[in-house]
PDB file of N, CA and C in Angstrom:
ATOM      1  N   MET A   1       0.844  -1.182   0.000  1.00  0.00           N
ATOM      2  CA  MET A   1       0.000   0.000   0.000  1.00  0.00           C
ATOM      3  C   MET A   1       0.884   1.239   0.000  1.00  0.00           C
ATOM      4  N   LYS A   2       0.550   2.219  -0.794  1.00  0.00           N
ATOM      5  CA  LYS A   2       1.299   3.461  -0.867  1.00  0.00           C
ATOM      6  C   LYS A   2       1.019   4.315   0.363  1.00  0.00           C
ATOM      7  N   THR A   3       1.974   5.163   0.720  1.00  0.00           N
ATOM      8  CA  THR A   3       1.831   6.033   1.882  1.00  0.00           C
ATOM      9  C   THR A   3       0.610   6.933   1.770  1.00  0.00           C
ATOM     10  N   GLY A   4       0.356   7.504   0.612  1.00  0.00           N
ATOM     11  CA  GLY A   4      -0.781   8.393   0.401  1.00  0.00           C
ATOM     12  C   GLY A   4      -2.116   7.714   0.618  1.00  0.00           C
ATOM     13  N   GLU A   5      -2.166   6.414   0.404  1.00  0.00           N
ATOM     14  CA  GLU A   5      -3.419   5.683   0.588  1.00  0.00           C
ATOM     15  C   GLU A   5      -3.767   5.550   2.061  1.00  0.00           C
ATOM     16  N   ASN A   6      -2.767   5.474   2.947  1.00  0.00           N
ATOM     17  CA  ASN A   6      -3.011   5.321   4.379  1.00  0.00           C
ATOM     18  C   ASN A   6      -3.785   6.489   4.968  1.00  0.00           C
ATOM     19  N   LYS A   7      -3.551   7.707   4.484  1.00  0.00           N
ATOM     20  CA  LYS A   7      -4.226   8.865   5.051  1.00  0.00           C
ATOM     21  C   LYS A   7      -5.718   8.882   4.711  1.00  0.00           C
ATOM     22  N   ASN A   8      -6.130   8.096   3.734  1.00  0.00           N
ATOM     23  CA  ASN A   8      -7.545   8.018   3.378  1.00  0.00           C
ATOM     24  C   ASN A   8      -8.273   6.882   4.093  1.00  0.00           C
ATOM     25  N   LEU A   9      -7.552   6.167   4.952  1.00  0.00           N
ATOM     26  CA  LEU A   9      -8.162   5.078   5.711  1.00  0.00           C
ATOM     27  C   LEU A   9      -8.339   5.480   7.170  1.00  0.00           C
ATOM     28  N   CYS A  10      -9.435   5.086   7.737  1.00  0.00           N
ATOM     29  CA  CYS A  10      -9.740   5.372   9.133  1.00  0.00           C
ATOM     30  C   CYS A  10      -8.813   4.554  10.036  1.00  0.00           C
ATOM     31  N   PRO A  11      -8.086   5.211  10.947  1.00  0.00           N
ATOM     32  CA  PRO A  11      -7.220   4.466  11.859  1.00  0.00           C
ATOM     33  C   PRO A  11      -8.002   3.697  12.909  1.00  0.00           C
ATOM     34  N   MET A  12      -9.279   3.989  13.064  1.00  0.00           N
ATOM     35  CA  MET A  12     -10.122   3.302  14.050  1.00  0.00           C
ATOM     36  C   MET A  12     -10.626   1.950  13.533  1.00  0.00           C
ATOM     37  N   CYS A  13     -11.094   1.948  12.270  1.00  0.00           N
ATOM     38  CA  CYS A  13     -11.724   0.723  11.775  1.00  0.00           C
ATOM     39  C   CYS A  13     -11.195   0.261  10.414  1.00  0.00           C
ATOM     40  N   GLY A  14     -10.391   1.107   9.750  1.00  0.00           N
ATOM     41  CA  GLY A  14      -9.878   0.743   8.436  1.00  0.00           C
ATOM     42  C   GLY A  14     -10.788   1.123   7.292  1.00  0.00           C
ATOM     43  N   GLY A  15     -11.928   1.755   7.609  1.00  0.00           N
ATOM     44  CA  GLY A  15     -12.849   2.199   6.565  1.00  0.00           C
ATOM     45  C   GLY A  15     -12.269   3.360   5.779  1.00  0.00           C
ATOM     46  N   ARG A  16     -12.958   3.752   4.735  1.00  0.00           N
ATOM     47  CA  ARG A  16     -12.488   4.835   3.863  1.00  0.00           C
ATOM     48  C   ARG A  16     -13.013   6.171   4.366  1.00  0.00           C
ATOM     49  N   LYS A  17     -12.116   7.186   4.441  1.00  0.00           N
ATOM     50  CA  LYS A  17     -12.507   8.537   4.838  1.00  0.00           C
ATOM     51  C   LYS A  17     -12.898   9.325   3.590  1.00  0.00           C
ATOM     52  N   VAL A  18     -14.019  10.042   3.681  1.00  0.00           N
ATOM     53  CA  VAL A  18     -14.495  10.879   2.588  1.00  0.00           C
ATOM     54  C   VAL A  18     -14.798  12.273   3.136  1.00  0.00           C
ATOM     55  N   GLU A  19     -14.762  13.265   2.252  1.00  0.00           N
ATOM     56  CA  GLU A  19     -15.078  14.627   2.682  1.00  0.00           C
ATOM     57  C   GLU A  19     -16.567  14.749   2.908  1.00  0.00           C
ATOM     58  N   GLY A  20     -16.917  15.420   3.992  1.00  0.00           N
ATOM     59  CA  GLY A  20     -18.313  15.644   4.324  1.00  0.00           C
ATOM     60  C   GLY A  20     -18.421  16.854   5.226  1.00  0.00           C
ATOM     61  N   LYS A  21     -19.551  17.002   5.874  1.00  0.00           N
ATOM     62  CA  LYS A  21     -19.772  18.118   6.791  1.00  0.00           C
ATOM     63  C   LYS A  21     -20.306  17.575   8.103  1.00  0.00           C
ATOM     64  N   THR A  22     -19.962  18.286   9.177  1.00  0.00           N
ATOM     65  CA  THR A  22     -20.375  17.868  10.503  1.00  0.00           C
ATOM     66  C   THR A  22     -20.831  19.075  11.307  1.00  0.00           C
ATOM     67  N   VAL A  23     -21.347  18.821  12.475  1.00  0.00           N
ATOM     68  CA  VAL A  23     -21.723  19.870  13.419  1.00  0.00           C
ATOM     69  C   VAL A  23     -20.721  19.808  14.568  1.00  0.00           C
ATOM     70  N   TYR A  24     -20.147  20.943  14.917  1.00  0.00           N
ATOM     71  CA  TYR A  24     -19.183  21.036  16.005  1.00  0.00           C
ATOM     72  C   TYR A  24     -19.854  21.781  17.147  1.00  0.00           C
ATOM     73  N   SER A  25     -19.866  21.208  18.330  1.00  0.00           N
ATOM     74  CA  SER A  25     -20.495  21.887  19.465  1.00  0.00           C
ATOM     75  C   SER A  25     -19.596  21.815  20.689  1.00  0.00           C
ATOM     76  N   VAL A  26     -19.682  22.868  21.500  1.00  0.00           N
ATOM     77  CA  VAL A  26     -18.909  22.958  22.728  1.00  0.00           C
ATOM     78  C   VAL A  26     -19.821  23.483  23.826  1.00  0.00           C
ATOM     79  N   ASP A  27     -19.882  22.762  24.933  1.00  0.00           N
ATOM     80  CA  ASP A  27     -20.629  23.203  26.102  1.00  0.00           C
ATOM     81  C   ASP A  27     -19.643  23.904  27.026  1.00  0.00           C
ATOM     82  N   LEU A  28     -19.816  25.201  27.217  1.00  0.00           N
ATOM     83  CA  LEU A  28     -18.907  25.984  28.051  1.00  0.00           C
ATOM     84  C   LEU A  28     -19.408  26.110  29.486  1.00  0.00           C
ATOM     85  N   GLY A  29     -20.342  25.275  29.879  1.00  0.00           N
ATOM     86  CA  GLY A  29     -20.888  25.327  31.230  1.00  0.00           C
ATOM     87  C   GLY A  29     -22.141  26.180  31.283  1.00  0.00           C
ATOM     88  N   ASN A  30     -21.965  27.486  31.121  1.00  0.00           N
ATOM     89  CA  ASN A  30     -23.123  28.377  31.152  1.00  0.00           C
ATOM     90  C   ASN A  30     -23.486  28.892  29.755  1.00  0.00           C
ATOM     91  N   SER A  31     -22.868  28.324  28.730  1.00  0.00           N
ATOM     92  CA  SER A  31     -23.202  28.690  27.357  1.00  0.00           C
ATOM     93  C   SER A  31     -22.927  27.521  26.422  1.00  0.00           C
ATOM     94  N   LEU A  32     -23.463  27.625  25.227  1.00  0.00           N
ATOM     95  CA  LEU A  32     -23.333  26.567  24.236  1.00  0.00           C
ATOM     96  C   LEU A  32     -22.960  27.187  22.896  1.00  0.00           C
ATOM     97  N   VAL A  33     -21.942  26.619  22.242  1.00  0.00           N
ATOM     98  CA  VAL A  33     -21.518  27.066  20.916  1.00  0.00           C
ATOM     99  C   VAL A  33     -21.769  25.918  19.941  1.00  0.00           C
ATOM    100  N   VAL A  34     -22.491  26.193  18.861  1.00  0.00           N
ATOM    101  CA  VAL A  34     -22.774  25.200  17.838  1.00  0.00           C
ATOM    102  C   VAL A  34     -22.376  25.795  16.488  1.00  0.00           C
ATOM    103  N   VAL A  35     -21.526  25.070  15.759  1.00  0.00           N
ATOM    104  CA  VAL A  35     -21.125  25.514  14.423  1.00  0.00           C
ATOM    105  C   VAL A  35     -21.551  24.424  13.446  1.00  0.00           C
ATOM    106  N   ARG A  36     -22.381  24.787  12.502  1.00  0.00           N
ATOM    107  CA  ARG A  36     -22.894  23.834  11.517  1.00  0.00           C
ATOM    108  C   ARG A  36     -22.062  23.874  10.241  1.00  0.00           C
ATOM    109  N   ASN A  37     -22.167  22.813   9.449  1.00  0.00           N
ATOM    110  CA  ASN A  37     -21.537  22.721   8.123  1.00  0.00           C
ATOM    111  C   ASN A  37     -20.017  22.842   8.162  1.00  0.00           C
ATOM    112  N   VAL A  38     -19.404  22.229   9.163  1.00  0.00           N
ATOM    113  CA  VAL A  38     -17.942  22.223   9.266  1.00  0.00           C
ATOM    114  C   VAL A  38     -17.410  21.116   8.360  1.00  0.00           C
ATOM    115  N   VAL A  39     -16.526  21.481   7.432  1.00  0.00           N
ATOM    116  CA  VAL A  39     -15.943  20.504   6.522  1.00  0.00           C
ATOM    117  C   VAL A  39     -15.043  19.564   7.325  1.00  0.00           C
ATOM    118  N   ALA A  40     -15.206  18.264   7.102  1.00  0.00           N
ATOM    119  CA  ALA A  40     -14.429  17.263   7.834  1.00  0.00           C
ATOM    120  C   ALA A  40     -14.239  16.025   6.963  1.00  0.00           C
ATOM    121  N   GLN A  41     -13.276  15.211   7.343  1.00  0.00           N
ATOM    122  CA  GLN A  41     -13.116  13.890   6.760  1.00  0.00           C
ATOM    123  C   GLN A  41     -13.924  12.942   7.652  1.00  0.00           C
ATOM    124  N   ILE A  42     -14.796  12.151   7.050  1.00  0.00           N
ATOM    125  CA  ILE A  42     -15.695  11.283   7.810  1.00  0.00           C
ATOM    126  C   ILE A  42     -15.552   9.861   7.311  1.00  0.00           C
ATOM    127  N   CYS A  43     -15.393   8.933   8.238  1.00  0.00           N
ATOM    128  CA  CYS A  43     -15.273   7.524   7.874  1.00  0.00           C
ATOM    129  C   CYS A  43     -16.637   7.001   7.418  1.00  0.00           C
ATOM    130  N   GLU A  44     -16.642   6.382   6.250  1.00  0.00           N
ATOM    131  CA  GLU A  44     -17.892   5.822   5.713  1.00  0.00           C
ATOM    132  C   GLU A  44     -18.387   4.646   6.548  1.00  0.00           C
ATOM    133  N   GLN A  45     -17.470   3.991   7.250  1.00  0.00           N
ATOM    134  CA  GLN A  45     -17.833   2.775   7.973  1.00  0.00           C
ATOM    135  C   GLN A  45     -18.279   3.052   9.413  1.00  0.00           C
ATOM    136  N   CYS A  46     -17.462   3.783  10.179  1.00  0.00           N
ATOM    137  CA  CYS A  46     -17.772   3.971  11.602  1.00  0.00           C
ATOM    138  C   CYS A  46     -18.256   5.379  11.950  1.00  0.00           C
ATOM    139  N   GLY A  47     -18.112   6.336  11.024  1.00  0.00           N
ATOM    140  CA  GLY A  47     -18.589   7.695  11.265  1.00  0.00           C
ATOM    141  C   GLY A  47     -17.626   8.597  12.021  1.00  0.00           C
ATOM    142  N   GLU A  48     -16.448   8.107  12.362  1.00  0.00           N
ATOM    143  CA  GLU A  48     -15.452   8.948  13.039  1.00  0.00           C
ATOM    144  C   GLU A  48     -15.139  10.154  12.151  1.00  0.00           C
ATOM    145  N   GLU A  49     -14.887  11.312  12.768  1.00  0.00           N
ATOM    146  CA  GLU A  49     -14.697  12.553  12.020  1.00  0.00           C
ATOM    147  C   GLU A  49     -13.353  13.197  12.340  1.00  0.00           C
ATOM    148  N   TRP A  50     -12.743  13.839  11.340  1.00  0.00           N
ATOM    149  CA  TRP A  50     -11.495  14.575  11.497  1.00  0.00           C
ATOM    150  C   TRP A  50     -11.657  15.940  10.883  1.00  0.00           C
ATOM    151  N   ILE A  51     -11.315  16.974  11.648  1.00  0.00           N
ATOM    152  CA  ILE A  51     -11.381  18.355  11.188  1.00  0.00           C
ATOM    153  C   ILE A  51      -9.957  18.818  10.916  1.00  0.00           C
ATOM    154  N   SER A  52      -9.750  19.515   9.799  1.00  0.00           N
ATOM    155  CA  SER A  52      -8.407  19.983   9.436  1.00  0.00           C
ATOM    156  C   SER A  52      -7.879  20.966  10.481  1.00  0.00           C
ATOM    157  N   ASP A  53      -6.556  21.104  10.539  1.00  0.00           N
ATOM    158  CA  ASP A  53      -5.932  22.039  11.470  1.00  0.00           C
ATOM    159  C   ASP A  53      -6.435  23.461  11.243  1.00  0.00           C
ATOM    160  N   GLN A  54      -6.569  23.852   9.991  1.00  0.00           N
ATOM    161  CA  GLN A  54      -7.035  25.203   9.668  1.00  0.00           C
ATOM    162  C   GLN A  54      -8.457  25.433  10.194  1.00  0.00           C
ATOM    163  N   ASN A  55      -9.351  24.479   9.962  1.00  0.00           N
ATOM    164  CA  ASN A  55     -10.720  24.622  10.457  1.00  0.00           C
ATOM    165  C   ASN A  55     -10.766  24.566  11.975  1.00  0.00           C
ATOM    166  N   ALA A  56      -9.915  23.738  12.585  1.00  0.00           N
ATOM    167  CA  ALA A  56      -9.866  23.645  14.046  1.00  0.00           C
ATOM    168  C   ALA A  56      -9.458  24.983  14.655  1.00  0.00           C
ATOM    169  N   LYS A  57      -8.495  25.666  14.049  1.00  0.00           N
ATOM    170  CA  LYS A  57      -8.068  26.983  14.547  1.00  0.00           C
ATOM    171  C   LYS A  57      -9.207  27.985  14.445  1.00  0.00           C
ATOM    172  N   GLU A  58      -9.944  27.933  13.343  1.00  0.00           N
ATOM    173  CA  GLU A  58     -11.086  28.834  13.165  1.00  0.00           C
ATOM    174  C   GLU A  58     -12.163  28.542  14.211  1.00  0.00           C
ATOM    175  N   LEU A  59     -12.396  27.264  14.495  1.00  0.00           N
ATOM    176  CA  LEU A  59     -13.380  26.880  15.508  1.00  0.00           C
ATOM    177  C   LEU A  59     -12.935  27.342  16.898  1.00  0.00           C
ATOM    178  N   GLU A  60     -11.650  27.211  17.201  1.00  0.00           N
ATOM    179  CA  GLU A  60     -11.120  27.681  18.489  1.00  0.00           C
ATOM    180  C   GLU A  60     -11.353  29.184  18.644  1.00  0.00           C
ATOM    181  N   HIS A  61     -11.156  29.925  17.566  1.00  0.00           N
ATOM    182  CA  HIS A  61     -11.376  31.372  17.599  1.00  0.00           C
ATOM    183  C   HIS A  61     -12.856  31.680  17.883  1.00  0.00           C
ATOM    184  N   ILE A  62     -13.753  30.978  17.233  1.00  0.00           N
ATOM    185  CA  ILE A  62     -15.192  31.179  17.431  1.00  0.00           C
ATOM    186  C   ILE A  62     -15.574  30.898  18.882  1.00  0.00           C
ATOM    187  N   VAL A  63     -15.078  29.790  19.429  1.00  0.00           N
ATOM    188  CA  VAL A  63     -15.397  29.407  20.809  1.00  0.00           C
ATOM    189  C   VAL A  63     -14.822  30.432  21.790  1.00  0.00           C
ATOM    190  N   GLU A  64     -13.598  30.853  21.574  1.00  0.00           N
ATOM    191  CA  GLU A  64     -12.971  31.828  22.473  1.00  0.00           C
ATOM    192  C   GLU A  64     -13.708  33.156  22.451  1.00  0.00           C
ATOM    193  N   GLU A  65     -14.157  33.584  21.262  1.00  0.00           N
ATOM    194  CA  GLU A  65     -14.921  34.829  21.148  1.00  0.00           C
ATOM    195  C   GLU A  65     -16.248  34.724  21.898  1.00  0.00           C
ATOM    196  N   ALA A  66     -16.941  33.603  21.762  1.00  0.00           N
ATOM    197  CA  ALA A  66     -18.206  33.402  22.474  1.00  0.00           C
ATOM    198  C   ALA A  66     -17.971  33.393  23.980  1.00  0.00           C
ATOM    199  N   ARG A  67     -16.880  32.767  24.427  1.00  0.00           N
ATOM    200  CA  ARG A  67     -16.537  32.722  25.857  1.00  0.00           C
ATOM    201  C   ARG A  67     -16.235  34.136  26.364  1.00  0.00           C
ATOM    202  N   ARG A  68     -15.448  34.873  25.627  1.00  0.00           N
ATOM    203  CA  ARG A  68     -15.035  36.223  26.021  1.00  0.00           C
ATOM    204  C   ARG A  68     -16.237  37.163  26.116  1.00  0.00           C
ATOM    205  N   GLU A  69     -17.161  37.030  25.166  1.00  0.00           N
ATOM    206  CA  GLU A  69     -18.328  37.912  25.148  1.00  0.00           C
ATOM    207  C   GLU A  69     -19.496  37.381  25.972  1.00  0.00           C
ATOM    208  N   LYS A  70     -19.273  36.242  26.647  1.00  0.00           N
ATOM    209  CA  LYS A  70     -20.262  35.638  27.551  1.00  0.00           C
ATOM    210  C   LYS A  70     -21.620  35.411  26.878  1.00  0.00           C
ATOM    211  N   ARG A  71     -21.560  34.926  25.640  1.00  0.00           N
ATOM    212  CA  ARG A  71     -22.795  34.607  24.926  1.00  0.00           C
ATOM    213  C   ARG A  71     -23.382  33.315  25.480  1.00  0.00           C
ATOM    214  N   GLN A  72     -24.690  33.262  25.640  1.00  0.00           N
ATOM    215  CA  GLN A  72     -25.319  32.058  26.166  1.00  0.00           C
ATOM    216  C   GLN A  72     -25.434  30.991  25.080  1.00  0.00           C
ATOM    217  N   VAL A  73     -25.847  31.398  23.892  1.00  0.00           N
ATOM    218  CA  VAL A  73     -25.965  30.457  22.783  1.00  0.00           C
ATOM    219  C   VAL A  73     -25.369  31.131  21.549  1.00  0.00           C
ATOM    220  N   GLU A  74     -24.481  30.424  20.869  1.00  0.00           N
ATOM    221  CA  GLU A  74     -23.862  30.931  19.637  1.00  0.00           C
ATOM    222  C   GLU A  74     -24.019  29.849  18.591  1.00  0.00           C
ATOM    223  N   ILE A  75     -24.805  30.109  17.556  1.00  0.00           N
ATOM    224  CA  ILE A  75     -24.992  29.152  16.476  1.00  0.00           C
ATOM    225  C   ILE A  75     -24.498  29.793  15.190  1.00  0.00           C
ATOM    226  N   MET A  76     -23.524  29.156  14.545  1.00  0.00           N
ATOM    227  CA  MET A  76     -22.916  29.698  13.335  1.00  0.00           C
ATOM    228  C   MET A  76     -22.890  28.644  12.246  1.00  0.00           C
ATOM    229  N   THR A  77     -22.707  29.097  11.018  1.00  0.00           N
ATOM    230  CA  THR A  77     -22.516  28.202   9.886  1.00  0.00           C
ATOM    231  C   THR A  77     -21.207  28.574   9.224  1.00  0.00           C
ATOM    232  N   MET A  78     -20.400  27.570   8.900  1.00  0.00           N
ATOM    233  CA  MET A  78     -19.120  27.833   8.226  1.00  0.00           C
ATOM    234  C   MET A  78     -19.337  27.829   6.738  1.00  0.00           C
TER     235      MET A  78
END
């Protein structure tokens, strides 16, 4: 198997990862952040999801902003 092929396989179950969209949510205790339509790699077999480093940084920024501004509910779409 070529090295490039390994990155398209799920390390959890060996299924194939495909591009899709997911919902990312964080419960901050007294508030909730929900981001819809987050691009992710999703295993066709077990449903495990992986978000790219770039998208993860953007999500961290969204969560930190909601925490800083003490928003109770923050629902966004990417």
